[in-house]
Amino acid sequence: MNEANPKSAVELELKRLEKRLEDLIVTVGQIKEENRALRQRQETLTAERASLLQKNEQVRGRVEAMIGRLKSMEQA
C-alpha cells in the first residue's frame, strides 16, 4: 500500500499539471488572437490617421488660397 500512495500522488500531480498546461495553451491561443486583432486595428487606425492628415493638408492649402484671394481682392 505504501508504494501505491506515492504513485497515486505522482499521477494526480501529473494530471493537475496536464490540466494546467491545457489551460495555458488555450490562454496563449486567446492572447495570440487578441494580439492579431490589435495589430490589425492599429494598422487600420494608422492608415486612417494618414488619410486624415492628408485631407487636413489639402484643406489648409485651400484655406490659404482663399485668404490669398481675399487679400488680393481687398487690395484691388
N, C-alpha and C. Protein backbone atom coordinates (compact mmCIF):
# COMPACT_ATOMS: atom_id res chain seq x y z
N MET A 1 0.81 -1.19 0.00
CA MET A 1 0.00 0.00 0.00
C MET A 1 0.86 1.26 0.00
N ASN A 2 2.00 1.21 0.67
CA ASN A 2 2.85 2.39 0.72
C ASN A 2 3.37 2.79 -0.66
N GLU A 3 3.63 1.79 -1.51
CA GLU A 3 4.11 2.09 -2.85
C GLU A 3 3.01 2.65 -3.73
N ALA A 4 1.76 2.30 -3.51
CA ALA A 4 0.65 2.77 -4.33
C ALA A 4 0.36 4.25 -4.06
N ASN A 5 0.51 4.67 -2.82
CA ASN A 5 0.24 6.06 -2.47
C ASN A 5 1.12 7.06 -3.21
N PRO A 6 2.43 6.88 -3.18
CA PRO A 6 3.28 7.82 -3.92
C PRO A 6 2.97 7.82 -5.42
N LYS A 7 2.67 6.63 -5.94
CA LYS A 7 2.37 6.55 -7.36
C LYS A 7 1.08 7.32 -7.67
N SER A 8 0.08 7.19 -6.81
CA SER A 8 -1.16 7.92 -6.99
C SER A 8 -0.93 9.43 -6.89
N ALA A 9 -0.11 9.82 -5.95
CA ALA A 9 0.19 11.24 -5.77
C ALA A 9 0.88 11.79 -7.01
N VAL A 10 1.81 11.02 -7.57
CA VAL A 10 2.51 11.45 -8.78
C VAL A 10 1.53 11.54 -9.94
N GLU A 11 0.65 10.55 -10.06
CA GLU A 11 -0.34 10.57 -11.14
C GLU A 11 -1.28 11.75 -11.00
N LEU A 12 -1.69 12.03 -9.78
CA LEU A 12 -2.56 13.18 -9.54
C LEU A 12 -1.85 14.49 -9.90
N GLU A 13 -0.59 14.57 -9.52
CA GLU A 13 0.19 15.77 -9.84
C GLU A 13 0.37 15.92 -11.35
N LEU A 14 0.62 14.80 -12.03
CA LEU A 14 0.75 14.84 -13.48
C LEU A 14 -0.56 15.28 -14.14
N LYS A 15 -1.69 14.78 -13.66
CA LYS A 15 -3.00 15.18 -14.18
C LYS A 15 -3.22 16.68 -13.96
N ARG A 16 -2.85 17.15 -12.77
CA ARG A 16 -3.00 18.57 -12.45
C ARG A 16 -2.15 19.43 -13.38
N LEU A 17 -0.91 18.99 -13.59
CA LEU A 17 -0.01 19.72 -14.48
C LEU A 17 -0.50 19.67 -15.92
N GLU A 18 -1.05 18.53 -16.33
CA GLU A 18 -1.59 18.40 -17.67
C GLU A 18 -2.76 19.36 -17.88
N LYS A 19 -3.64 19.46 -16.91
CA LYS A 19 -4.77 20.38 -16.98
C LYS A 19 -4.28 21.82 -17.03
N ARG A 20 -3.31 22.14 -16.21
CA ARG A 20 -2.75 23.49 -16.19
C ARG A 20 -2.12 23.83 -17.54
N LEU A 21 -1.41 22.87 -18.12
CA LEU A 21 -0.78 23.07 -19.42
C LEU A 21 -1.84 23.30 -20.50
N GLU A 22 -2.91 22.54 -20.47
CA GLU A 22 -4.01 22.72 -21.43
C GLU A 22 -4.62 24.11 -21.28
N ASP A 23 -4.80 24.55 -20.03
CA ASP A 23 -5.33 25.89 -19.78
C ASP A 23 -4.40 26.96 -20.33
N LEU A 24 -3.11 26.77 -20.14
CA LEU A 24 -2.13 27.73 -20.64
C LEU A 24 -2.12 27.78 -22.17
N ILE A 25 -2.28 26.63 -22.80
CA ILE A 25 -2.32 26.59 -24.26
C ILE A 25 -3.53 27.37 -24.78
N VAL A 26 -4.67 27.20 -24.12
CA VAL A 26 -5.86 27.93 -24.51
C VAL A 26 -5.64 29.43 -24.31
N THR A 27 -5.04 29.80 -23.19
CA THR A 27 -4.78 31.21 -22.91
C THR A 27 -3.84 31.81 -23.94
N VAL A 28 -2.80 31.08 -24.29
CA VAL A 28 -1.85 31.57 -25.31
C VAL A 28 -2.57 31.77 -26.64
N GLY A 29 -3.44 30.85 -27.00
CA GLY A 29 -4.21 30.99 -28.23
C GLY A 29 -5.08 32.23 -28.21
N GLN A 30 -5.72 32.48 -27.09
CA GLN A 30 -6.56 33.67 -26.96
C GLN A 30 -5.73 34.94 -27.06
N ILE A 31 -4.59 34.94 -26.42
CA ILE A 31 -3.71 36.12 -26.44
C ILE A 31 -3.18 36.35 -27.86
N LYS A 32 -2.83 35.28 -28.57
CA LYS A 32 -2.37 35.43 -29.94
C LYS A 32 -3.46 36.04 -30.82
N GLU A 33 -4.69 35.58 -30.66
CA GLU A 33 -5.80 36.12 -31.45
C GLU A 33 -6.05 37.58 -31.10
N GLU A 34 -6.01 37.90 -29.82
CA GLU A 34 -6.19 39.29 -29.40
C GLU A 34 -5.07 40.17 -29.96
N ASN A 35 -3.87 39.67 -29.92
CA ASN A 35 -2.72 40.42 -30.45
C ASN A 35 -2.87 40.65 -31.95
N ARG A 36 -3.33 39.63 -32.68
CA ARG A 36 -3.55 39.77 -34.11
C ARG A 36 -4.62 40.84 -34.38
N ALA A 37 -5.70 40.80 -33.62
CA ALA A 37 -6.77 41.78 -33.80
C ALA A 37 -6.29 43.19 -33.47
N LEU A 38 -5.50 43.31 -32.43
CA LEU A 38 -4.97 44.63 -32.06
C LEU A 38 -4.01 45.18 -33.12
N ARG A 39 -3.19 44.31 -33.68
CA ARG A 39 -2.28 44.76 -34.74
C ARG A 39 -3.07 45.21 -35.97
N GLN A 40 -4.10 44.46 -36.30
CA GLN A 40 -4.94 44.84 -37.44
C GLN A 40 -5.62 46.18 -37.18
N ARG A 41 -6.12 46.36 -35.97
CA ARG A 41 -6.77 47.62 -35.61
C ARG A 41 -5.77 48.78 -35.67
N GLN A 42 -4.55 48.52 -35.21
CA GLN A 42 -3.51 49.54 -35.24
C GLN A 42 -3.20 49.94 -36.69
N GLU A 43 -3.11 48.96 -37.58
CA GLU A 43 -2.85 49.25 -38.99
C GLU A 43 -3.98 50.09 -39.58
N THR A 44 -5.22 49.74 -39.25
CA THR A 44 -6.37 50.49 -39.74
C THR A 44 -6.33 51.92 -39.24
N LEU A 45 -6.05 52.09 -37.95
CA LEU A 45 -6.01 53.44 -37.39
C LEU A 45 -4.85 54.26 -37.96
N THR A 46 -3.74 53.61 -38.20
CA THR A 46 -2.59 54.31 -38.79
C THR A 46 -2.92 54.79 -40.20
N ALA A 47 -3.58 53.94 -40.98
CA ALA A 47 -3.98 54.33 -42.33
C ALA A 47 -5.01 55.46 -42.28
N GLU A 48 -5.95 55.36 -41.36
CA GLU A 48 -6.97 56.40 -41.21
C GLU A 48 -6.32 57.72 -40.81
N ARG A 49 -5.36 57.67 -39.92
CA ARG A 49 -4.66 58.88 -39.48
C ARG A 49 -3.93 59.53 -40.65
N ALA A 50 -3.26 58.71 -41.45
CA ALA A 50 -2.53 59.25 -42.61
C ALA A 50 -3.49 59.92 -43.58
N SER A 51 -4.63 59.28 -43.78
CA SER A 51 -5.64 59.86 -44.68
C SER A 51 -6.15 61.19 -44.13
N LEU A 52 -6.42 61.26 -42.84
CA LEU A 52 -6.90 62.50 -42.23
C LEU A 52 -5.85 63.60 -42.29
N LEU A 53 -4.60 63.24 -42.08
CA LEU A 53 -3.53 64.24 -42.19
C LEU A 53 -3.44 64.79 -43.61
N GLN A 54 -3.59 63.92 -44.59
CA GLN A 54 -3.54 64.36 -45.99
C GLN A 54 -4.72 65.29 -46.28
N LYS A 55 -5.91 64.93 -45.84
CA LYS A 55 -7.07 65.78 -46.05
C LYS A 55 -6.90 67.12 -45.34
N ASN A 56 -6.33 67.09 -44.16
CA ASN A 56 -6.08 68.31 -43.40
C ASN A 56 -5.15 69.25 -44.17
N GLU A 57 -4.12 68.68 -44.76
CA GLU A 57 -3.19 69.49 -45.55
C GLU A 57 -3.88 70.07 -46.78
N GLN A 58 -4.74 69.29 -47.42
CA GLN A 58 -5.47 69.80 -48.58
C GLN A 58 -6.38 70.96 -48.18
N VAL A 59 -7.08 70.81 -47.08
CA VAL A 59 -7.97 71.87 -46.61
C VAL A 59 -7.17 73.10 -46.23
N ARG A 60 -6.04 72.89 -45.57
CA ARG A 60 -5.18 74.02 -45.20
C ARG A 60 -4.75 74.79 -46.45
N GLY A 61 -4.37 74.07 -47.49
CA GLY A 61 -3.98 74.70 -48.75
C GLY A 61 -5.12 75.51 -49.36
N ARG A 62 -6.31 74.93 -49.32
CA ARG A 62 -7.47 75.65 -49.88
C ARG A 62 -7.78 76.93 -49.09
N VAL A 63 -7.71 76.81 -47.77
CA VAL A 63 -7.99 77.98 -46.92
C VAL A 63 -6.94 79.06 -47.16
N GLU A 64 -5.69 78.67 -47.25
CA GLU A 64 -4.64 79.65 -47.50
C GLU A 64 -4.83 80.31 -48.86
N ALA A 65 -5.26 79.52 -49.86
CA ALA A 65 -5.52 80.09 -51.18
C ALA A 65 -6.68 81.08 -51.12
N MET A 66 -7.73 80.75 -50.38
CA MET A 66 -8.87 81.67 -50.24
C MET A 66 -8.46 82.96 -49.55
N ILE A 67 -7.65 82.82 -48.51
CA ILE A 67 -7.16 84.01 -47.80
C ILE A 67 -6.34 84.88 -48.75
N GLY A 68 -5.51 84.23 -49.55
CA GLY A 68 -4.72 84.99 -50.53
C GLY A 68 -5.59 85.71 -51.53
N ARG A 69 -6.63 85.04 -52.01
CA ARG A 69 -7.54 85.69 -52.98
C ARG A 69 -8.29 86.85 -52.31
N LEU A 70 -8.71 86.66 -51.08
CA LEU A 70 -9.43 87.73 -50.35
C LEU A 70 -8.51 88.95 -50.16
N LYS A 71 -7.26 88.69 -49.82
CA LYS A 71 -6.31 89.80 -49.63
C LYS A 71 -6.08 90.53 -50.95
N SER A 72 -5.99 89.79 -52.05
CA SER A 72 -5.76 90.45 -53.33
C SER A 72 -7.00 91.23 -53.78
N MET A 73 -8.19 90.72 -53.45
CA MET A 73 -9.43 91.46 -53.76
C MET A 73 -9.50 92.73 -52.92
N GLU A 74 -9.03 92.65 -51.70
CA GLU A 74 -9.05 93.80 -50.78
C GLU A 74 -8.13 94.90 -51.30
N GLN A 75 -7.01 94.50 -51.85
CA GLN A 75 -6.03 95.47 -52.35
C GLN A 75 -6.46 96.09 -53.68
N ALA A 76 -7.31 95.42 -54.42
CA ALA A 76 -7.70 95.93 -55.74
C ALA A 76 -8.76 96.98 -55.70
